[in-house]
Protein backbone atom coordinates (compact mmCIF):
# COMPACT_ATOMS: atom_id res chain seq x y z
CA UNK A 1 51.60 -62.89 -14.93
CA UNK A 2 49.36 -61.55 -11.94
CA UNK A 3 45.90 -60.51 -12.64
CA UNK A 4 43.63 -58.31 -10.18
CA UNK A 5 39.71 -58.18 -10.11
CA UNK A 6 37.59 -56.37 -7.58
CA UNK A 7 34.31 -57.38 -6.00
CA UNK A 8 32.35 -54.82 -3.96
CA UNK A 9 29.72 -54.24 -1.95
CA UNK A 10 27.05 -51.24 -2.01
CA UNK A 11 28.07 -47.81 -0.90
CA UNK A 12 27.45 -46.84 2.59
CA UNK A 13 27.41 -43.54 4.30
CA UNK A 14 30.75 -44.31 5.97
CA UNK A 15 33.69 -41.82 5.28
CA UNK A 16 36.48 -44.35 5.03
CA UNK A 17 36.39 -47.25 2.25
CA UNK A 18 36.65 -51.00 2.93
CA UNK A 19 38.70 -51.85 0.05
CA UNK A 20 41.45 -54.33 -0.52
CA UNK A 21 40.95 -57.92 0.06
CA UNK A 22 43.38 -59.49 -1.69
CA UNK A 23 45.95 -57.05 -3.42
CA UNK A 24 46.47 -59.27 -0.36
CA UNK A 25 46.84 -62.87 -1.08
CA UNK A 26 50.49 -62.65 -2.21
CA UNK A 27 51.08 -60.81 0.73
CA UNK A 28 51.28 -64.45 2.61
CA UNK A 29 54.72 -64.12 4.09
CA UNK A 30 54.55 -64.18 7.92
CA UNK A 31 57.78 -62.79 8.47
CA UNK A 32 57.22 -59.50 6.29
CA UNK A 33 57.48 -56.65 8.77
CA UNK A 34 55.82 -54.10 7.38
CA UNK A 35 55.43 -50.76 9.66
CA UNK A 36 54.70 -47.96 7.36
CA UNK A 37 57.39 -46.02 6.27
CA UNK A 38 55.51 -43.11 7.39
CA UNK A 39 55.99 -44.19 11.19
CA UNK A 40 59.46 -42.70 10.98
CA UNK A 41 58.56 -38.82 11.10
CA UNK A 42 60.26 -36.51 9.34
CA UNK A 43 58.19 -33.47 10.35
CA UNK A 44 55.17 -33.00 11.70
CA UNK A 45 52.76 -30.03 11.39
CA UNK A 46 49.27 -29.04 12.92
CA UNK A 47 47.75 -29.03 9.20
CA UNK A 48 47.48 -32.08 7.04
CA UNK A 49 49.05 -31.95 3.38
CA UNK A 50 47.12 -32.17 0.22
CA UNK A 51 47.26 -35.98 0.65
CA UNK A 52 46.21 -35.97 4.27
CA UNK A 53 49.40 -36.82 6.06
CA UNK A 54 50.54 -34.64 9.09
CA UNK A 55 53.80 -36.06 9.43
CA UNK A 56 56.22 -38.92 8.49
CA UNK A 57 58.15 -39.30 5.29
CA UNK A 58 55.47 -38.95 3.14
CA UNK A 59 54.23 -35.66 4.64
CA UNK A 60 55.09 -33.00 1.88
CA UNK A 61 55.11 -28.91 3.01
CA UNK A 62 55.35 -28.01 -0.75
CA UNK A 63 52.09 -28.04 -2.96
CA UNK A 64 52.59 -29.89 -6.37
CA UNK A 65 53.82 -28.13 -8.98
CA UNK A 66 51.16 -28.04 -11.58
CA UNK A 67 52.09 -28.46 -14.95
CA UNK A 68 48.79 -28.13 -16.75
CA UNK A 69 46.49 -24.86 -16.90
CA UNK A 70 43.18 -24.99 -15.34
CA UNK A 71 41.59 -25.18 -18.52
CA UNK A 72 43.73 -28.38 -19.62
CA UNK A 73 42.61 -30.08 -16.52
CA UNK A 74 39.09 -29.53 -17.09
CA UNK A 75 39.68 -30.96 -20.58
CA UNK A 76 41.42 -34.05 -19.26
CA UNK A 77 38.34 -34.73 -16.62
CA UNK A 78 35.75 -33.98 -19.44
CA UNK A 79 37.84 -36.75 -21.24
CA UNK A 80 37.72 -39.42 -18.29
CA UNK A 81 34.25 -38.34 -17.72
CA UNK A 82 32.84 -39.29 -21.25
CA UNK A 83 35.10 -42.57 -20.69
CA UNK A 84 34.33 -43.59 -17.82
CA UNK A 85 30.67 -43.24 -19.09
CA UNK A 86 31.08 -45.49 -22.11
CA UNK A 87 33.86 -48.13 -19.95
CA UNK A 88 33.06 -50.96 -21.83
CA UNK A 89 33.08 -49.66 -25.43
CA UNK A 90 36.38 -48.27 -24.57
CA UNK A 91 37.90 -51.30 -23.20
CA UNK A 92 36.73 -53.54 -25.94
CA UNK A 93 37.42 -51.48 -28.73
CA UNK A 94 40.06 -48.86 -27.57
CA UNK A 95 42.29 -50.11 -24.85
CA UNK A 96 45.41 -48.52 -26.02
CA UNK A 97 43.52 -44.81 -25.29
CA UNK A 98 42.54 -46.29 -21.73
CA UNK A 99 46.24 -46.98 -21.60
CA UNK A 100 47.68 -43.78 -22.78
CA UNK A 101 45.47 -41.96 -20.54
CA UNK A 102 46.51 -43.77 -17.10
CA UNK A 103 49.87 -43.13 -18.11
CA UNK A 104 49.35 -39.81 -18.41
CA UNK A 105 47.75 -39.57 -15.23
CA UNK A 106 44.13 -40.05 -13.75
CA UNK A 107 42.70 -37.04 -12.80
CA UNK A 108 42.33 -36.96 -8.75
CA UNK A 109 38.81 -36.02 -9.45
CA UNK A 110 38.13 -39.17 -11.41
CA UNK A 111 40.55 -41.63 -9.69
CA UNK A 112 38.02 -43.09 -7.52
CA UNK A 113 35.63 -44.29 -10.27
CA UNK A 114 38.47 -44.86 -12.64
CA UNK A 115 40.14 -47.41 -10.32
CA UNK A 116 36.99 -49.19 -9.47
CA UNK A 117 36.20 -49.63 -13.22
CA UNK A 118 39.71 -50.79 -14.05
CA UNK A 119 39.40 -53.39 -11.54
CA UNK A 120 35.95 -54.91 -12.70
CA UNK A 121 34.35 -54.29 -9.35
CA UNK A 122 30.93 -52.99 -11.27
CA UNK A 123 30.98 -56.16 -12.60
CA UNK A 124 31.36 -58.24 -9.33
CA UNK A 125 29.30 -55.51 -7.33
CA UNK A 126 26.15 -56.69 -9.47
CA UNK A 127 26.99 -60.23 -9.01
CA UNK A 128 27.91 -60.17 -5.21
CA UNK A 129 26.01 -57.38 -3.54
CA UNK A 130 25.93 -59.11 -0.16
CA UNK A 131 29.49 -60.81 -0.36
CA UNK A 132 31.32 -58.24 1.81
CA UNK A 133 29.20 -57.84 4.44
CA UNK A 134 28.62 -61.50 4.71
CA UNK A 135 32.08 -61.90 5.06
CA UNK A 136 32.07 -58.89 8.03
CA UNK A 137 29.38 -60.79 10.06
CA UNK A 138 31.40 -64.39 10.10
CA UNK A 139 33.11 -64.71 13.12
CA UNK A 140 36.52 -65.05 11.89
CA UNK A 141 39.84 -66.92 13.58
CA UNK A 142 40.25 -65.03 17.34
CA UNK A 143 44.15 -65.98 16.79
CA UNK A 144 44.08 -63.64 13.32
CA UNK A 145 41.68 -61.03 14.29
CA UNK A 146 44.31 -60.90 17.47
CA UNK A 147 47.18 -60.16 14.89
CA UNK A 148 45.43 -57.87 12.73
CA UNK A 149 44.68 -55.59 16.01
CA UNK A 150 48.14 -55.55 16.96
CA UNK A 151 49.03 -54.33 13.24
CA UNK A 152 46.75 -52.13 12.39
CA UNK A 153 47.89 -49.02 14.09
CA UNK A 154 51.22 -49.02 12.55
CA UNK A 155 49.61 -48.28 8.72
CA UNK A 156 50.42 -44.49 7.56
CA UNK A 157 49.82 -43.52 11.63
CA UNK A 158 50.22 -39.95 10.53
CA UNK A 159 47.67 -39.75 7.88
CA UNK A 160 44.29 -38.25 9.05
CA UNK A 161 42.47 -41.45 8.76
CA UNK A 162 44.62 -43.78 10.60
CA UNK A 163 46.26 -41.16 13.13
CA UNK A 164 43.52 -41.99 16.06
CA UNK A 165 41.99 -45.33 16.95
CA UNK A 166 38.87 -43.96 16.76
CA UNK A 167 38.81 -42.68 13.11
CA UNK A 168 36.87 -44.30 10.92
CA UNK A 169 40.02 -45.64 8.84
CA UNK A 170 41.08 -47.55 11.93
CA UNK A 171 38.15 -49.38 12.19
CA UNK A 172 37.42 -49.73 8.33
CA UNK A 173 41.35 -50.95 7.78
CA UNK A 174 40.28 -54.13 10.61
CA UNK A 175 37.04 -54.81 8.67
CA UNK A 176 38.76 -55.24 5.38
CA UNK A 177 41.79 -57.70 6.46
CA UNK A 178 39.19 -59.49 9.13
CA UNK A 179 36.73 -59.87 6.06
CA UNK A 180 39.81 -61.19 3.94
CA UNK A 181 40.94 -63.46 6.46
CA UNK A 182 37.58 -64.89 6.40
CA UNK A 183 37.40 -65.18 2.86
CA UNK A 184 40.74 -66.89 2.30
CA UNK A 185 41.44 -69.05 5.53
CA UNK A 186 44.52 -70.69 3.98
CA UNK A 187 46.20 -66.93 3.54
CA UNK A 188 44.48 -65.71 6.38
CA UNK A 189 46.34 -62.60 7.23
CA UNK A 190 49.83 -61.15 7.04
CA UNK A 191 51.57 -58.00 7.80
CA UNK A 192 52.55 -57.04 4.35
CA UNK A 193 48.51 -57.09 3.17
CA UNK A 194 48.35 -54.05 5.86
CA UNK A 195 49.67 -51.05 4.15
CA UNK A 196 47.95 -51.99 0.78
CA UNK A 197 44.66 -52.34 2.28
CA UNK A 198 45.53 -48.82 3.98
CA UNK A 199 46.50 -47.37 1.03
CA UNK A 200 43.49 -48.21 -0.90
CA UNK A 201 41.00 -47.18 1.66
CA UNK A 202 42.37 -43.77 0.93
CA UNK A 203 41.31 -43.87 -2.25
CA UNK A 204 38.27 -45.70 -2.63
CA UNK A 205 34.47 -44.82 -1.07
CA UNK A 206 32.93 -46.64 2.05
CA UNK A 207 32.46 -50.23 1.91
CA UNK A 208 32.65 -49.81 -2.18
CA UNK A 209 35.23 -52.36 -2.89
CA UNK A 210 37.80 -54.94 -1.62
CA UNK A 211 40.25 -56.36 -4.20
CA UNK A 212 41.02 -60.12 -4.92
CA UNK A 213 43.31 -62.13 -6.39
CA UNK A 214 46.46 -60.51 -6.69
CA UNK A 215 48.99 -63.04 -6.83
CA UNK A 216 49.70 -66.50 -5.86
CA UNK A 217 50.15 -66.73 -1.79
CA UNK A 218 53.26 -67.52 -0.61
CA UNK A 219 57.22 -66.98 -1.33
CA UNK A 220 57.44 -69.07 -4.17
CA UNK A 221 55.79 -66.58 -6.23
CA UNK A 222 57.95 -63.76 -4.91
CA UNK A 223 60.91 -66.21 -5.68
CA UNK A 224 60.19 -66.23 -9.28
CA UNK A 225 59.72 -62.66 -9.64
CA UNK A 226 63.09 -62.31 -8.09
CA UNK A 227 64.27 -64.43 -11.08
CA UNK A 228 62.62 -62.41 -13.84
CA UNK A 229 64.08 -59.48 -12.22
CA UNK A 230 67.55 -60.44 -12.10
CA UNK A 231 67.02 -61.31 -15.54
CA UNK A 232 65.49 -58.33 -17.01
CA UNK A 233 67.71 -56.25 -14.90
CA UNK A 234 70.68 -57.97 -17.09
CA UNK A 235 69.22 -56.37 -20.13
CA UNK A 236 68.21 -52.78 -19.03
CA UNK A 237 71.50 -52.14 -16.72
CA UNK A 238 73.90 -54.60 -17.77
CA UNK A 239 76.63 -52.59 -15.20
CA UNK A 240 74.05 -52.96 -12.17
CA UNK A 241 73.50 -56.55 -12.89
CA UNK A 242 77.21 -57.22 -12.72
CA UNK A 243 77.76 -55.42 -9.70
CA UNK A 244 74.99 -57.31 -7.86
CA UNK A 245 76.41 -60.49 -9.32
CA UNK A 246 79.68 -59.62 -8.25
CA UNK A 247 78.81 -59.22 -4.43
CA UNK A 248 76.32 -61.75 -4.45
CA UNK A 249 73.69 -59.49 -3.77
CA UNK A 250 70.29 -61.39 -3.72
CA UNK A 251 67.11 -60.01 -5.30
CA UNK A 252 65.21 -60.96 -2.42
CA UNK A 253 67.07 -59.13 -0.36
CA UNK A 254 66.28 -55.32 -1.53
CA UNK A 255 62.96 -56.52 -3.75
CA UNK A 256 60.76 -58.31 -1.02
CA UNK A 257 59.34 -55.03 0.54
CA UNK A 258 59.00 -53.37 -2.97
CA UNK A 259 56.92 -56.36 -4.46
CA UNK A 260 55.14 -57.83 -1.40
CA UNK A 261 53.85 -54.09 -0.17
CA UNK A 262 53.11 -53.05 -4.08
CA UNK A 263 55.71 -50.46 -3.46
CA UNK A 264 53.11 -48.56 -1.03
CA UNK A 265 56.14 -48.39 1.24
CA UNK A 266 58.52 -47.19 -1.12
CA UNK A 267 57.47 -44.10 -3.29
CA UNK A 268 56.50 -41.03 -2.57
CA UNK A 269 52.45 -40.16 -2.63
CA UNK A 270 52.28 -38.75 -6.14
CA UNK A 271 54.72 -41.14 -7.60
CA UNK A 272 52.72 -44.15 -6.05
CA UNK A 273 49.42 -42.86 -7.31
CA UNK A 274 50.74 -42.34 -10.82
CA UNK A 275 52.53 -45.97 -10.85
CA UNK A 276 49.16 -47.87 -9.35
CA UNK A 277 47.51 -45.99 -12.15
CA UNK A 278 49.21 -47.78 -14.85
CA UNK A 279 49.22 -50.97 -12.59
CA UNK A 280 45.83 -51.59 -12.18
CA UNK A 281 45.70 -51.10 -16.18
CA UNK A 282 48.31 -52.95 -17.17
CA UNK A 283 49.45 -55.38 -14.46
CA UNK A 284 51.85 -55.91 -12.23
CA UNK A 285 55.06 -55.49 -15.03
CA UNK A 286 54.57 -52.07 -14.02
CA UNK A 287 56.22 -52.79 -10.65
CA UNK A 288 59.14 -54.79 -12.38
CA UNK A 289 59.71 -51.37 -14.33
CA UNK A 290 59.76 -49.29 -11.48
CA UNK A 291 62.28 -51.56 -9.71
CA UNK A 292 64.36 -51.90 -12.56
CA UNK A 293 64.38 -48.35 -12.91
CA UNK A 294 65.54 -47.66 -9.28
CA UNK A 295 67.95 -50.00 -9.44
CA UNK A 296 69.64 -49.27 -12.67
CA UNK A 297 69.29 -45.17 -11.47
CA UNK A 298 70.91 -46.04 -8.01
CA UNK A 299 73.72 -48.13 -9.19
CA UNK A 300 73.90 -46.91 -12.88
CA UNK A 301 76.85 -44.36 -11.95
CA UNK A 302 80.39 -45.99 -11.71
CA UNK A 303 81.11 -43.96 -9.15
CA UNK A 304 78.80 -45.29 -7.02
CA UNK A 305 79.46 -48.78 -7.93
CA UNK A 306 82.93 -47.98 -6.71
CA UNK A 307 82.19 -46.82 -3.30
CA UNK A 308 79.70 -49.98 -2.91
CA UNK A 309 82.49 -52.45 -2.01
CA UNK A 310 80.30 -55.15 -0.41
CA UNK A 311 77.34 -56.45 -0.13
CA UNK A 312 76.40 -54.15 2.34
CA UNK A 313 77.06 -50.94 1.16
CA UNK A 314 75.09 -52.01 -2.00
CA UNK A 315 72.32 -53.08 -0.23
CA UNK A 316 72.34 -49.57 1.67
CA UNK A 317 71.83 -47.81 -1.42
CA UNK A 318 69.04 -49.78 -3.02
CA UNK A 319 66.95 -49.93 0.56
CA UNK A 320 67.21 -46.05 0.49
CA UNK A 321 67.68 -44.88 -2.95
CA UNK A 322 68.24 -41.32 -3.53
CA UNK A 323 64.96 -39.61 -3.42
CA UNK A 324 65.62 -37.43 -6.73
CA UNK A 325 65.33 -41.31 -8.39
CA UNK A 326 61.71 -41.90 -6.62
CA UNK A 327 60.18 -38.39 -7.83
CA UNK A 328 57.14 -38.65 -10.02
CA UNK A 329 58.51 -37.25 -12.90
CA UNK A 330 61.72 -39.58 -13.33
CA UNK A 331 59.82 -42.63 -12.44
CA UNK A 332 57.08 -41.93 -15.19
CA UNK A 333 59.59 -40.76 -17.29
CA UNK A 334 61.69 -43.37 -17.19
CA UNK A 335 59.39 -46.74 -17.00
CA UNK A 336 58.25 -46.48 -20.18
CA UNK A 337 61.70 -46.23 -21.97
CA UNK A 338 62.94 -49.00 -20.39
CA UNK A 339 64.43 -51.43 -23.16
CA UNK A 340 62.02 -54.69 -22.78
CA UNK A 341 58.92 -55.75 -24.48
CA UNK A 342 55.53 -57.29 -23.13
CA UNK A 343 57.33 -60.38 -24.96
CA UNK A 344 60.72 -60.21 -22.74
CA UNK A 345 58.24 -60.32 -19.62
CA UNK A 346 56.27 -63.36 -20.89
CA UNK A 347 59.35 -65.22 -21.81
CA UNK A 348 61.37 -64.78 -18.50
CA UNK A 349 57.94 -65.48 -17.07
CA UNK A 350 57.79 -69.10 -18.76
CA UNK A 351 61.57 -69.72 -18.01
CA UNK A 352 61.14 -69.16 -14.25
CA UNK A 353 57.77 -71.06 -13.98
CA UNK A 354 60.03 -74.00 -15.95
CA UNK A 355 63.20 -73.50 -13.40
CA UNK A 356 60.62 -73.49 -10.58
CA UNK A 357 59.02 -77.00 -11.88
CA UNK A 358 62.33 -78.61 -12.16
CA UNK A 359 63.52 -77.66 -8.90
CA UNK A 360 60.16 -78.96 -7.05
CA UNK A 361 60.59 -81.91 -9.02
CA UNK A 362 64.49 -82.50 -8.01
CA UNK A 363 63.47 -81.39 -4.25
CA UNK A 364 60.56 -84.25 -4.14
CA UNK A 365 62.80 -86.85 -6.08
CA UNK A 366 65.49 -86.37 -3.54
CA UNK A 367 62.99 -86.63 -0.66
CA UNK A 368 61.81 -89.64 -2.01
CA UNK A 369 65.36 -91.15 -1.97
CA UNK A 370 65.94 -90.01 1.42
CA UNK A 371 62.99 -91.59 2.47
CA UNK A 372 63.42 -94.62 0.77
CA UNK A 373 66.90 -95.07 1.69
CA UNK A 374 65.95 -94.91 5.53
CA UNK A 375 65.99 -91.47 6.09
CA UNK A 376 63.49 -89.15 8.44
CA UNK A 377 59.96 -89.95 7.29
CA UNK A 378 59.63 -86.06 7.41
CA UNK A 379 61.73 -85.51 4.42
CA UNK A 380 63.73 -82.48 3.92
CA UNK A 381 61.58 -79.17 5.04
CA UNK A 382 59.79 -77.36 1.84
CA UNK A 383 61.11 -74.15 0.85
CA UNK A 384 58.83 -71.45 1.12
């Protein structure tokens, strides 16, 4: 399964954050079109909502329903303050308590510090204090820089950080994407990196951190994840699984955007924050669980499956799930009640790794046979 770490540089006085270098690593599919979901306007206001949105589908006119009393909120914040002040002790001896509190939701006032610690940035910041600044000062690839400039305005364009080219958010987004392209020239830049970087910039302070080593680059990992998701779905939602098999719906047709963009273009903002609280603590299996809940809820009812009498109808449901299935309470209630264990994830991961290696060996063998038989010296194209 994927792991995630964070490298950091000292805090500056800038109002946005340079954060997220590679969460960016898996996003190497150059064909992914990742214009933010927020570019589709559903409302526009002269005042931002509580998350900073003036419009777009992430905009919420209604205040969040608070289920906790003021006293309970303060008590939870005190627990988090104590825990973050004794972080190494908790992570070494009481990780279950950290996980439990992340699942309940990190208090808004403590989320910045908690995410910073959950990713291990505090350690890397001490080791590489000037790394990020060094990357920023490097010239970079002119072609990649041009691609970044073309895309940066598309990310959450109705959010107060990105609504104007002159806003700090636009500049910080360019910086972190450019820095990552210098850090990892093999991957460089692709569109799917941008919404993740923009999302993280809304959560972390200026020049504090950028994430690295998020997944293996390329579509090979995504294809393996698709195989895992399909196998896990067979266990958690047999009816939905059979329906997808019946209509030959390849998981890549609906889950690519979910996984490449780490749910940033899929979930409502409150849900997204809660999911990421858990993801940074427990790893990428949280995204699998969210995907399984969405698929199972969307295609679970027999009436819905009956109306989806083909591939196109089925994809329409999965690509635009009913809003009630994406709400914070629904997602958080169901992802930890799925009938799957960590062992299930490990087992399916090993199976997909084995299948991948087998397919690669067969492909190499076929290529060698073709070349040896007088075929093209280039051999067949390698699937990516």
